[in-house]
C-alpha atoms as a PDB file:
ATOM      1  CA  MET A   1     129.708  71.592 113.105  1.00  0.00           C
ATOM      2  CA  GLY A   2     132.350  74.007 112.142  1.00  0.00           C
ATOM      3  CA  ARG A   3     132.318  77.671 113.415  1.00  0.00           C
ATOM      4  CA  SER A   4     131.759  79.339 110.390  1.00  0.00           C
ATOM      5  CA  ARG A   5     128.640  76.768 109.908  1.00  0.00           C
ATOM      6  CA  ILE A   6     127.261  78.363 113.060  1.00  0.00           C
ATOM      7  CA  VAL A   7     127.669  82.158 111.938  1.00  0.00           C
ATOM      8  CA  GLU A   8     126.396  81.268 108.389  1.00  0.00           C
ATOM      9  CA  ASP A   9     122.825  80.005 110.286  1.00  0.00           C
ATOM     10  CA  ARG A  10     122.833  82.555 112.763  1.00  0.00           C
ATOM     11  CA  GLU A  11     122.743  85.058 109.909  1.00  0.00           C
ATOM     12  CA  VAL A  12     119.991  83.239 107.883  1.00  0.00           C
ATOM     13  CA  LEU A  13     117.877  83.185 111.274  1.00  0.00           C
ATOM     14  CA  MET A  14     118.699  86.918 111.512  1.00  0.00           C
ATOM     15  CA  LYS A  15     116.691  87.725 108.048  1.00  0.00           C
ATOM     16  CA  LEU A  16     113.552  87.931 107.166  1.00  0.00           C
ATOM     17  CA  VAL A  17     111.445  84.678 106.648  1.00  0.00           C
ATOM     18  CA  ASP A  18     108.058  84.255 106.906  1.00  0.00           C
ATOM     19  CA  VAL A  19     106.395  81.098 108.017  1.00  0.00           C
ATOM     20  CA  PHE A  20     105.699  80.738 104.017  1.00  0.00           C
ATOM     21  CA  GLY A  21     109.270  80.652 103.022  1.00  0.00           C
ATOM     22  CA  ARG A  22     108.955  83.737 101.271  1.00  0.00           C
ATOM     23  CA  LYS A  23     112.226  85.747 101.792  1.00  0.00           C
ATOM     24  CA  ILE A  24     111.656  89.420 102.907  1.00  0.00           C
ATOM     25  CA  ASP A  25     114.387  91.855 101.386  1.00  0.00           C
ATOM     26  CA  TYR A  26     112.729  94.624  99.509  1.00  0.00           C
ATOM     27  CA  LEU A  27     111.268  97.607 101.975  1.00  0.00           C
ATOM     28  CA  ARG A  28     108.837 100.712 100.462  1.00  0.00           C
ATOM     29  CA  LEU A  29     109.542 103.595 102.278  1.00  0.00           C
ATOM     30  CA  SER A  30     106.534 106.291 102.056  1.00  0.00           C
ATOM     31  CA  VAL A  31     107.723 108.994 103.160  1.00  0.00           C
ATOM     32  CA  THR A  32     104.924 111.425 102.579  1.00  0.00           C
ATOM     33  CA  ASP A  33     101.278 110.825 102.054  1.00  0.00           C
ATOM     34  CA  ARG A  34     101.023 114.401  99.814  1.00  0.00           C
ATOM     35  CA  CYS A  35     100.871 114.947  96.142  1.00  0.00           C
ATOM     36  CA  ASP A  36     101.048 117.640  93.814  1.00  0.00           C
ATOM     37  CA  LEU A  37      98.450 115.525  91.408  1.00  0.00           C
ATOM     38  CA  ARG A  38      95.021 114.353  92.079  1.00  0.00           C
ATOM     39  CA  CYS A  39      95.188 111.145  90.242  1.00  0.00           C
ATOM     40  CA  ARG A  40      91.018 110.061  90.215  1.00  0.00           C
ATOM     41  CA  TYR A  41      92.292 106.406  90.612  1.00  0.00           C
ATOM     42  CA  CYS A  42      94.627 107.311  94.035  1.00  0.00           C
ATOM     43  CA  MET A  43      93.219 110.403  95.709  1.00  0.00           C
ATOM     44  CA  PRO A  44      89.691 110.589  97.310  1.00  0.00           C
ATOM     45  CA  ALA A  45      87.271 112.539  95.322  1.00  0.00           C
ATOM     46  CA  GLY A  46      85.723 114.301  97.996  1.00  0.00           C
ATOM     47  CA  GLY A  47      89.324 116.105  99.715  1.00  0.00           C
ATOM     48  CA  MET A  48      92.140 114.266 101.140  1.00  0.00           C
ATOM     49  CA  ASP A  49      92.805 113.602 105.065  1.00  0.00           C
ATOM     50  CA  PHE A  50      96.470 114.125 105.189  1.00  0.00           C
ATOM     51  CA  ILE A  51      98.373 112.797 108.182  1.00  0.00           C
ATOM     52  CA  GLU A  52      99.906 115.843 110.450  1.00  0.00           C
ATOM     53  CA  HIS A  53     103.174 116.782 110.209  1.00  0.00           C
ATOM     54  CA  SER A  54     103.933 116.119 113.672  1.00  0.00           C
ATOM     55  CA  ARG A  55     102.948 112.762 113.273  1.00  0.00           C
ATOM     56  CA  ILE A  56     105.105 111.909 109.872  1.00  0.00           C
ATOM     57  CA  LEU A  57     108.592 109.821 110.647  1.00  0.00           C
ATOM     58  CA  SER A  58     111.226 112.485 110.518  1.00  0.00           C
ATOM     59  CA  TYR A  59     114.282 111.936 108.481  1.00  0.00           C
ATOM     60  CA  GLU A  60     116.273 110.983 111.828  1.00  0.00           C
ATOM     61  CA  GLN A  61     114.000 108.199 112.441  1.00  0.00           C
ATOM     62  CA  ILE A  62     113.770 106.997 108.909  1.00  0.00           C
ATOM     63  CA  GLY A  63     117.623 106.292 109.017  1.00  0.00           C
ATOM     64  CA  THR A  64     117.219 104.533 112.313  1.00  0.00           C
ATOM     65  CA  LEU A  65     114.632 102.450 111.343  1.00  0.00           C
ATOM     66  CA  VAL A  66     115.978 102.128 107.268  1.00  0.00           C
ATOM     67  CA  ARG A  67     119.237 100.681 108.877  1.00  0.00           C
ATOM     68  CA  ALA A  68     117.734  98.249 111.135  1.00  0.00           C
ATOM     69  CA  PHE A  69     116.126  97.049 107.796  1.00  0.00           C
ATOM     70  CA  VAL A  70     119.185  96.589 105.986  1.00  0.00           C
ATOM     71  CA  GLU A  71     120.465  94.708 109.107  1.00  0.00           C
ATOM     72  CA  LEU A  72     117.693  92.334 108.740  1.00  0.00           C
ATOM     73  CA  GLY A  73     118.406  91.514 105.232  1.00  0.00           C
ATOM     74  CA  ILE A  74     116.509  93.877 103.399  1.00  0.00           C
ATOM     75  CA  GLN A  75     118.463  94.899 100.062  1.00  0.00           C
ATOM     76  CA  LYS A  76     116.346  96.988  98.262  1.00  0.00           C
ATOM     77  CA  VAL A  77     114.423 100.378  99.452  1.00  0.00           C
ATOM     78  CA  ARG A  78     111.976 102.182  97.020  1.00  0.00           C
ATOM     79  CA  ILE A  79     111.218 105.726  98.193  1.00  0.00           C
ATOM     80  CA  THR A  80     107.286 106.562  97.433  1.00  0.00           C
ATOM     81  CA  GLY A  81     104.893 108.825  98.784  1.00  0.00           C
ATOM     82  CA  GLY A  82     102.223 110.279  97.899  1.00  0.00           C
ATOM     83  CA  GLU A  83     104.585 112.259  95.843  1.00  0.00           C
ATOM     84  CA  PRO A  84     108.621 111.886  97.527  1.00  0.00           C
ATOM     85  CA  LEU A  85     109.764 115.066  95.905  1.00  0.00           C
ATOM     86  CA  ILE A  86     107.726 117.516  97.266  1.00  0.00           C
ATOM     87  CA  ARG A  87     108.526 116.777 100.837  1.00  0.00           C
ATOM     88  CA  LYS A  88     110.897 119.378 102.083  1.00  0.00           C
ATOM     89  CA  ASP A  89     114.990 119.085 101.997  1.00  0.00           C
ATOM     90  CA  ILE A  90     114.422 115.260 100.945  1.00  0.00           C
ATOM     91  CA  ASP A  91     118.005 115.544  99.693  1.00  0.00           C
ATOM     92  CA  LEU A  92     119.089 114.592 102.657  1.00  0.00           C
ATOM     93  CA  LEU A  93     117.431 111.447 103.051  1.00  0.00           C
ATOM     94  CA  PHE A  94     118.335 110.536 100.054  1.00  0.00           C
ATOM     95  CA  ASN A  95     122.083 111.158 101.071  1.00  0.00           C
ATOM     96  CA  THR A  96     121.998 109.444 104.123  1.00  0.00           C
ATOM     97  CA  LEU A  97     119.931 106.237 102.664  1.00  0.00           C
ATOM     98  CA  GLY A  98     122.353 105.944  99.572  1.00  0.00           C
ATOM     99  CA  ALA A  99     125.743 105.518 101.995  1.00  0.00           C
ATOM    100  CA  TYR A 100     124.446 101.974 103.368  1.00  0.00           C
ATOM    101  CA  VAL A 101     121.048 101.058 101.089  1.00  0.00           C
ATOM    102  CA  PRO A 102     122.508  98.204  98.455  1.00  0.00           C
ATOM    103  CA  GLU A 103     119.936  99.832  96.367  1.00  0.00           C
ATOM    104  CA  LEU A 104     117.974 102.830  96.627  1.00  0.00           C
ATOM    105  CA  THR A 105     115.317 103.795  94.129  1.00  0.00           C
ATOM    106  CA  LEU A 106     112.097 105.869  93.574  1.00  0.00           C
ATOM    107  CA  THR A 107     109.165 105.813  92.357  1.00  0.00           C
ATOM    108  CA  THR A 108     107.664 109.542  91.341  1.00  0.00           C
ATOM    109  CA  ASN A 109     104.999 111.461  89.445  1.00  0.00           C
ATOM    110  CA  GLY A 110     107.697 112.635  87.281  1.00  0.00           C
ATOM    111  CA  THR A 111     106.809 116.627  87.659  1.00  0.00           C
ATOM    112  CA  ARG A 112     110.235 117.375  90.297  1.00  0.00           C
ATOM    113  CA  LEU A 113     112.193 114.728  88.357  1.00  0.00           C
ATOM    114  CA  SER A 114     114.390 117.600  86.411  1.00  0.00           C
ATOM    115  CA  ARG A 115     115.216 119.345  89.697  1.00  0.00           C
ATOM    116  CA  TYR A 116     116.407 116.163  91.729  1.00  0.00           C
ATOM    117  CA  ALA A 117     117.899 113.948  88.633  1.00  0.00           C
ATOM    118  CA  SER A 118     121.379 115.176  89.664  1.00  0.00           C
ATOM    119  CA  VAL A 119     120.576 114.736  93.476  1.00  0.00           C
ATOM    120  CA  LEU A 120     119.343 111.199  92.513  1.00  0.00           C
ATOM    121  CA  VAL A 121     122.738 110.238  91.332  1.00  0.00           C
ATOM    122  CA  GLU A 122     124.914 111.630  93.479  1.00  0.00           C
ATOM    123  CA  SER A 123     122.947 109.182  96.321  1.00  0.00           C
ATOM    124  CA  GLY A 124     123.578 106.444  94.319  1.00  0.00           C
ATOM    125  CA  VAL A 125     119.931 106.100  92.931  1.00  0.00           C
ATOM    126  CA  ARG A 126     120.227 104.462  89.519  1.00  0.00           C
ATOM    127  CA  ARG A 127     116.660 103.367  88.795  1.00  0.00           C
ATOM    128  CA  VAL A 128     113.636 105.473  88.941  1.00  0.00           C
ATOM    129  CA  ASN A 129     110.046 104.192  88.337  1.00  0.00           C
ATOM    130  CA  VAL A 130     108.057 107.448  86.342  1.00  0.00           C
ATOM    131  CA  SER A 131     104.051 107.372  86.820  1.00  0.00           C
ATOM    132  CA  LEU A 132     103.087 108.054  82.795  1.00  0.00           C
ATOM    133  CA  ASP A 133      99.557 107.210  82.182  1.00  0.00           C
ATOM    134  CA  THR A 134      99.227 109.444  79.060  1.00  0.00           C
ATOM    135  CA  LEU A 135     100.384 111.608  76.658  1.00  0.00           C
ATOM    136  CA  GLN A 136      97.687 113.613  75.872  1.00  0.00           C
ATOM    137  CA  LYS A 137      97.328 116.773  77.530  1.00  0.00           C
ATOM    138  CA  GLU A 138      93.676 117.208  78.019  1.00  0.00           C
ATOM    139  CA  THR A 139      93.691 113.432  79.426  1.00  0.00           C
ATOM    140  CA  TYR A 140      96.724 114.221  81.746  1.00  0.00           C
ATOM    141  CA  ARG A 141      94.440 117.030  82.898  1.00  0.00           C
ATOM    142  CA  PHE A 142      91.036 114.782  83.430  1.00  0.00           C
ATOM    143  CA  ILE A 143      93.414 111.614  85.147  1.00  0.00           C
ATOM    144  CA  THR A 144      95.438 113.770  87.547  1.00  0.00           C
ATOM    145  CA  GLY A 145      93.623 117.476  88.111  1.00  0.00           C
ATOM    146  CA  ARG A 146      96.302 119.312  86.993  1.00  0.00           C
ATOM    147  CA  ASP A 147      98.262 120.875  84.002  1.00  0.00           C
ATOM    148  CA  SER A 148     102.057 119.372  84.914  1.00  0.00           C
ATOM    149  CA  LEU A 149     102.323 117.039  81.687  1.00  0.00           C
ATOM    150  CA  ALA A 150     105.284 119.167  80.168  1.00  0.00           C
ATOM    151  CA  SER A 151     107.178 119.473  83.368  1.00  0.00           C
ATOM    152  CA  MET A 152     107.107 115.194  83.823  1.00  0.00           C
ATOM    153  CA  LEU A 153     108.185 114.810  80.022  1.00  0.00           C
ATOM    154  CA  GLU A 154     110.847 117.427  80.370  1.00  0.00           C
ATOM    155  CA  GLY A 155     112.139 115.522  84.005  1.00  0.00           C
ATOM    156  CA  ILE A 156     111.701 111.943  82.282  1.00  0.00           C
ATOM    157  CA  GLU A 157     113.966 113.466  79.573  1.00  0.00           C
ATOM    158  CA  THR A 158     116.345 114.998  82.053  1.00  0.00           C
ATOM    159  CA  ALA A 159     116.764 111.611  84.184  1.00  0.00           C
ATOM    160  CA  GLY A 160     117.847 110.342  80.902  1.00  0.00           C
ATOM    161  CA  ARG A 161     120.578 112.757  79.805  1.00  0.00           C
ATOM    162  CA  TYR A 162     121.906 111.786  83.705  1.00  0.00           C
ATOM    163  CA  GLY A 163     121.904 108.232  82.906  1.00  0.00           C
ATOM    164  CA  LEU A 164     119.224 106.835  84.696  1.00  0.00           C
ATOM    165  CA  THR A 165     117.451 104.018  84.147  1.00  0.00           C
ATOM    166  CA  ILE A 166     113.560 104.631  83.509  1.00  0.00           C
ATOM    167  CA  LYS A 167     110.988 102.302  83.635  1.00  0.00           C
ATOM    168  CA  LEU A 168     107.518 104.016  83.266  1.00  0.00           C
ATOM    169  CA  ASN A 169     104.410 102.839  85.114  1.00  0.00           C
ATOM    170  CA  THR A 170     100.715 103.361  83.331  1.00  0.00           C
ATOM    171  CA  VAL A 171      97.809 102.637  84.842  1.00  0.00           C
ATOM    172  CA  VAL A 172      95.227 101.333  82.127  1.00  0.00           C
ATOM    173  CA  MET A 173      92.018 103.029  82.624  1.00  0.00           C
ATOM    174  CA  ARG A 174      89.116 101.897  80.018  1.00  0.00           C
ATOM    175  CA  GLY A 175      87.523 104.971  78.025  1.00  0.00           C
ATOM    176  CA  VAL A 176      90.543 106.801  79.395  1.00  0.00           C
ATOM    177  CA  ASN A 177      93.884 105.938  77.918  1.00  0.00           C
ATOM    178  CA  ASP A 178      93.403 102.374  76.602  1.00  0.00           C
ATOM    179  CA  HIS A 179      93.929 103.676  73.347  1.00  0.00           C
ATOM    180  CA  GLU A 180      97.173 105.449  74.108  1.00  0.00           C
ATOM    181  CA  LEU A 181      99.246 102.187  74.599  1.00  0.00           C
ATOM    182  CA  ILE A 182     100.878 101.691  71.560  1.00  0.00           C
ATOM    183  CA  ASP A 183     101.823 105.185  71.487  1.00  0.00           C
ATOM    184  CA  LEU A 184     102.850 104.742  74.998  1.00  0.00           C
ATOM    185  CA  ILE A 185     105.382 101.903  73.825  1.00  0.00           C
ATOM    186  CA  ALA A 186     106.698 104.211  71.428  1.00  0.00           C
ATOM    187  CA  PHE A 187     107.070 107.122  73.501  1.00  0.00           C
ATOM    188  CA  ALA A 188     109.356 104.235  75.696  1.00  0.00           C
ATOM    189  CA  GLY A 189     111.094 102.958  72.986  1.00  0.00           C
ATOM    190  CA  LEU A 190     112.201 106.725  71.642  1.00  0.00           C
ATOM    191  CA  HIS A 191     113.455 107.645  75.662  1.00  0.00           C
ATOM    192  CA  ALA A 192     115.190 104.074  76.385  1.00  0.00           C
ATOM    193  CA  CYS A 193     112.503 103.020  78.490  1.00  0.00           C
ATOM    194  CA  ASP A 194     110.855 100.434  79.568  1.00  0.00           C
ATOM    195  CA  ILE A 195     106.746 100.332  80.032  1.00  0.00           C
ATOM    196  CA  ARG A 196     104.526  98.491  82.876  1.00  0.00           C
ATOM    197  CA  PHE A 197     100.877  98.111  82.542  1.00  0.00           C
ATOM    198  CA  ILE A 198      99.393  97.693  85.842  1.00  0.00           C
ATOM    199  CA  GLU A 199      95.439  96.959  86.555  1.00  0.00           C
ATOM    200  CA  MET A 200      93.972  99.709  88.815  1.00  0.00           C
ATOM    201  CA  MET A 201      93.256  98.457  92.488  1.00  0.00           C
ATOM    202  CA  PRO A 202      89.791  99.185  94.252  1.00  0.00           C
ATOM    203  CA  GLN A 203      89.513 101.700  97.054  1.00  0.00           C
ATOM    204  CA  GLU A 204      86.794 102.905  99.184  1.00  0.00           C
ATOM    205  CA  HIS A 205      87.394 106.288  98.655  1.00  0.00           C
ATOM    206  CA  THR A 206      87.631 106.692  95.001  1.00  0.00           C
ATOM    207  CA  GLY A 207      84.225 105.372  94.781  1.00  0.00           C
ATOM    208  CA  ASP A 208      83.159 103.761  91.390  1.00  0.00           C
ATOM    209  CA  PHE A 209      85.581 104.848  89.131  1.00  0.00           C
ATOM    210  CA  CYS A 210      88.361 102.174  89.699  1.00  0.00           C
ATOM    211  CA  GLN A 211      85.497  99.378  89.121  1.00  0.00           C
ATOM    212  CA  ASP A 212      83.703 101.046  85.741  1.00  0.00           C
ATOM    213  CA  ALA A 213      87.166 101.901  84.325  1.00  0.00           C
ATOM    214  CA  PHE A 214      88.921  98.672  85.273  1.00  0.00           C
ATOM    215  CA  VAL A 215      90.775  96.901  82.547  1.00  0.00           C
ATOM    216  CA  SER A 216      92.150  93.134  82.903  1.00  0.00           C
ATOM    217  CA  ALA A 217      96.082  93.124  81.967  1.00  0.00           C
ATOM    218  CA  SER A 218      95.472  90.221  80.003  1.00  0.00           C
ATOM    219  CA  ASP A 219      93.239  92.255  77.840  1.00  0.00           C
ATOM    220  CA  VAL A 220      95.287  94.601  77.904  1.00  0.00           C
ATOM    221  CA  GLN A 221      98.087  92.196  76.495  1.00  0.00           C
ATOM    222  CA  LYS A 222      95.746  91.154  73.886  1.00  0.00           C
ATOM    223  CA  ILE A 223      95.664  94.830  72.573  1.00  0.00           C
ATOM    224  CA  VAL A 224      99.866  95.239  72.858  1.00  0.00           C
ATOM    225  CA  SER A 225      99.862  91.836  70.680  1.00  0.00           C
ATOM    226  CA  GLU A 226      97.546  92.999  67.652  1.00  0.00           C
ATOM    227  CA  THR A 227     100.748  95.608  66.955  1.00  0.00           C
ATOM    228  CA  PHE A 228     103.753  93.496  68.279  1.00  0.00           C
ATOM    229  CA  VAL A 229     105.378  90.399  68.612  1.00  0.00           C
ATOM    230  CA  LEU A 230     106.063  89.632  72.079  1.00  0.00           C
ATOM    231  CA  SER A 231     108.677  87.041  73.680  1.00  0.00           C
ATOM    232  CA  PRO A 232     108.319  86.263  77.207  1.00  0.00           C
ATOM    233  CA  ILE A 233     110.710  86.702  79.216  1.00  0.00           C
ATOM    234  CA  PRO A 234     111.866  84.425  82.795  1.00  0.00           C
ATOM    235  CA  ALA A 235     110.576  86.327  85.817  1.00  0.00           C
ATOM    236  CA  GLY A 236     112.543  86.244  88.789  1.00  0.00           C
ATOM    237  CA  GLY A 237     111.182  84.615  92.264  1.00  0.00           C
ATOM    238  CA  SER A 238     109.995  87.844  93.265  1.00  0.00           C
ATOM    239  CA  SER A 239     108.574  89.590  89.883  1.00  0.00           C
ATOM    240  CA  THR A 240     105.455  91.150  90.055  1.00  0.00           C
ATOM    241  CA  GLU A 241     105.248  91.231  86.375  1.00  0.00           C
ATOM    242  CA  ASP A 242     104.805  89.214  83.597  1.00  0.00           C
ATOM    243  CA  LEU A 243     107.553  90.482  81.460  1.00  0.00           C
ATOM    244  CA  TYR A 244     107.701  90.268  77.614  1.00  0.00           C
ATOM    245  CA  GLN A 245     110.340  91.849  75.257  1.00  0.00           C
ATOM    246  CA  ILE A 246     109.214  93.260  72.185  1.00  0.00           C
ATOM    247  CA  ASP A 247     110.729  92.062  69.025  1.00  0.00           C
ATOM    248  CA  GLY A 248     112.792  94.107  66.679  1.00  0.00           C
ATOM    249  CA  SER A 249     112.820  97.020  70.087  1.00  0.00           C
ATOM    250  CA  PRO A 250     115.052  97.510  73.128  1.00  0.00           C
ATOM    251  CA  VAL A 251     111.946  97.723  75.353  1.00  0.00           C
ATOM    252  CA  LYS A 252     110.577  95.683  77.424  1.00  0.00           C
ATOM    253  CA  VAL A 253     106.687  95.553  78.519  1.00  0.00           C
ATOM    254  CA  GLY A 254     105.502  94.147  81.321  1.00  0.00           C
ATOM    255  CA  PHE A 255     101.683  93.470  82.624  1.00  0.00           C
ATOM    256  CA  ILE A 256     101.069  93.729  86.617  1.00  0.00           C
ATOM    257  CA  SER A 257      97.702  92.070  87.308  1.00  0.00           C
ATOM    258  CA  PRO A 258      97.068  92.630  91.616  1.00  0.00           C
ATOM    259  CA  MET A 259      93.249  91.911  90.968  1.00  0.00           C
ATOM    260  CA  SER A 260      93.238  89.355  88.031  1.00  0.00           C
ATOM    261  CA  HIS A 261      95.772  87.206  88.681  1.00  0.00           C
ATOM    262  CA  PRO A 262      97.406  87.864  92.428  1.00  0.00           C
ATOM    263  CA  PHE A 263     100.947  87.552  92.800  1.00  0.00           C
ATOM    264  CA  CYS A 264     101.259  87.129  96.676  1.00  0.00           C
ATOM    265  CA  HIS A 265     103.137  83.813  97.011  1.00  0.00           C
ATOM    266  CA  ARG A 266     106.157  85.887  95.210  1.00  0.00           C
ATOM    267  CA  CYS A 267     105.839  88.642  97.241  1.00  0.00           C
ATOM    268  CA  ASN A 268     109.131  89.566  99.478  1.00  0.00           C
ATOM    269  CA  LYS A 269     107.811  93.308 100.226  1.00  0.00           C
ATOM    270  CA  LEU A 270     107.236  95.538 103.134  1.00  0.00           C
ATOM    271  CA  ARG A 271     105.773  98.657 103.687  1.00  0.00           C
ATOM    272  CA  LEU A 272     106.532 101.339 105.954  1.00  0.00           C
ATOM    273  CA  LEU A 273     104.081 104.290 106.134  1.00  0.00           C
ATOM    274  CA  PRO A 274     104.984 108.059 106.788  1.00  0.00           C
ATOM    275  CA  ASN A 275     103.514 107.789 110.449  1.00  0.00           C
ATOM    276  CA  GLY A 276     105.687 104.670 110.808  1.00  0.00           C
ATOM    277  CA  MET A 277     103.097 102.081 110.289  1.00  0.00           C
ATOM    278  CA  LEU A 278     104.607  98.953 108.994  1.00  0.00           C
ATOM    279  CA  LYS A 279     102.644  96.822 106.438  1.00  0.00           C
ATOM    280  CA  THR A 280     103.066  93.531 105.983  1.00  0.00           C
ATOM    281  CA  CYS A 281     100.845  93.419 103.222  1.00  0.00           C
ATOM    282  CA  LEU A 282      99.237  95.864 100.637  1.00  0.00           C
ATOM    283  CA  PHE A 283      95.879  95.015 101.117  1.00  0.00           C
ATOM    284  CA  GLY A 284      96.182  94.273 104.961  1.00  0.00           C
ATOM    285  CA  GLU A 285      96.010  96.434 107.954  1.00  0.00           C
ATOM    286  CA  GLU A 286      98.829  98.191 109.248  1.00  0.00           C
ATOM    287  CA  ASP A 287     100.795  96.109 111.930  1.00  0.00           C
ATOM    288  CA  ILE A 288     102.573  97.703 114.085  1.00  0.00           C
ATOM    289  CA  ASN A 289     104.200 101.321 115.047  1.00  0.00           C
ATOM    290  CA  LEU A 290     107.186 101.571 114.792  1.00  0.00           C
ATOM    291  CA  LYS A 291     107.559 105.463 115.258  1.00  0.00           C
ATOM    292  CA  GLU A 292     105.882 104.676 118.760  1.00  0.00           C
ATOM    293  CA  MET A 293     108.650 102.361 118.947  1.00  0.00           C
ATOM    294  CA  LEU A 294     111.415 104.624 118.920  1.00  0.00           C
ATOM    295  CA  GLU A 295     109.992 107.348 120.632  1.00  0.00           C
ATOM    296  CA  ASP A 296     108.884 105.066 123.685  1.00  0.00           C
ATOM    297  CA  GLY A 297     113.115 103.737 123.801  1.00  0.00           C
ATOM    298  CA  PHE A 298     112.718 100.989 122.165  1.00  0.00           C
ATOM    299  CA  SER A 299     116.274  99.102 121.805  1.00  0.00           C
ATOM    300  CA  ILE A 300     117.008  99.085 118.306  1.00  0.00           C
ATOM    301  CA  ASN A 301     117.175  95.153 118.744  1.00  0.00           C
ATOM    302  CA  LYS A 302     113.651  94.767 120.403  1.00  0.00           C
ATOM    303  CA  ILE A 303     112.500  97.132 117.449  1.00  0.00           C
ATOM    304  CA  LYS A 304     113.826  94.391 114.992  1.00  0.00           C
ATOM    305  CA  ASN A 305     112.867  91.482 116.802  1.00  0.00           C
ATOM    306  CA  GLU A 306     108.956  93.478 116.435  1.00  0.00           C
ATOM    307  CA  ILE A 307     109.610  93.568 112.886  1.00  0.00           C
ATOM    308  CA  ARG A 308     110.362  89.728 112.377  1.00  0.00           C
ATOM    309  CA  GLN A 309     107.434  88.597 114.893  1.00  0.00           C
ATOM    310  CA  ALA A 310     105.104  91.024 112.321  1.00  0.00           C
ATOM    311  CA  VAL A 311     106.861  89.175 109.174  1.00  0.00           C
ATOM    312  CA  LEU A 312     105.792  85.721 110.390  1.00  0.00           C
ATOM    313  CA  LYS A 313     102.404  87.015 110.384  1.00  0.00           C
ATOM    314  CA  LYS A 314     102.421  88.083 107.200  1.00  0.00           C
ATOM    315  CA  PRO A 315      99.359  86.299 105.364  1.00  0.00           C
ATOM    316  CA  ALA A 316      99.690  84.099 102.685  1.00  0.00           C
ATOM    317  CA  ALA A 317      97.561  86.244 100.009  1.00  0.00           C
ATOM    318  CA  TYR A 318      95.607  88.949 101.062  1.00  0.00           C
ATOM    319  CA  ARG A 319      91.617  89.419 101.290  1.00  0.00           C
ATOM    320  CA  LEU A 320      90.187  92.171  99.505  1.00  0.00           C
ATOM    321  CA  ASP A 321      87.019  92.125 100.890  1.00  0.00           C
ATOM    322  CA  ALA A 322      88.907  93.757 103.940  1.00  0.00           C
ATOM    323  CA  GLY A 323      91.823  95.024 101.750  1.00  0.00           C
ATOM    324  CA  LYS A 324      89.405  97.600  99.592  1.00  0.00           C
ATOM    325  CA  ARG A 325      88.783  99.834 103.102  1.00  0.00           C
ATOM    326  CA  ASP A 326      91.968  99.741 104.769  1.00  0.00           C
ATOM    327  CA  LEU A 327      94.094 100.673 101.373  1.00  0.00           C
ATOM    328  CA  ILE A 328      94.938 104.070 101.012  1.00  0.00           C
ATOM    329  CA  MET A 329      97.207 104.259  98.155  1.00  0.00           C
ATOM    330  CA  HIS A 330      98.590 108.032  98.377  1.00  0.00           C
ATOM    331  CA  ARG A 331      99.713 106.830 101.765  1.00  0.00           C
ATOM    332  CA  THR A 332     101.175 103.643 101.266  1.00  0.00           C
ATOM    333  CA  GLY A 333     102.513 103.782  97.907  1.00  0.00           C
ATOM    334  CA  GLY A 334     101.505 100.542  95.878  1.00  0.00           C
END
């Protein structure tokens, strides 16, 4: 065996692959559990139990850990929250990570996007996902508890002017916004965006709302198909959506069905929470505490080995009965 083959095999062994053969190359990094909105399907109705600031990863700690993940083969890092753009000096983190993360992206509610669009572009971010559940002011207030629709729409427009590729994320809710699907697609076309319709995910602290307002992705697709002709687009190996091209339009529309048709067999993600807890499964338990390891003086090589061991324990699929109790979406970042 030649030296080049030995090096190649060693590099493969150093990457993150679980026992089911799934290559893990995507990290969702939640930098805060705080948000300026109070969405009904995300935040507890009775008030929030936020992580204390002293228990949240510092930017230096995040940089150290993300570099370790990149060395382990992570190619894509998505900054999430809560709402990531409300964290103080978040531009410093984007500048740091943009220097060595192969693909750096962001999920945001858009209310502060106009303020940070130029910073994102300068940091190397090329794509952002923006939550857009409605175009109606009263419905927006009902869903979010806030009057920030104008700021969010301005954020989308500003991001587009700066050349950011925008994907809209819409959580569909029966009797709330399911009558707006066609209008939302038209809005996406007007602003050169793609759009994804997402099933609500149950959380114990949101009460019965998610169950009562649930709409399956297949039902959403039927509604859309009554107006548009959809041509399927072949999915990538780790895609979480059924993706379609709208005939006669540049808009691509995706349907994400974590409840009705789970896609666990394609999962390539890890999730790092604001307090340094690593989750290998969205609906699973928190696996290991990387913040604690850093503060206990673990070497980077030892931390990387702990990450590898956690990945080897990544479940084949989630257990919804256990996950519903453990999932806190404003902390986990979806």
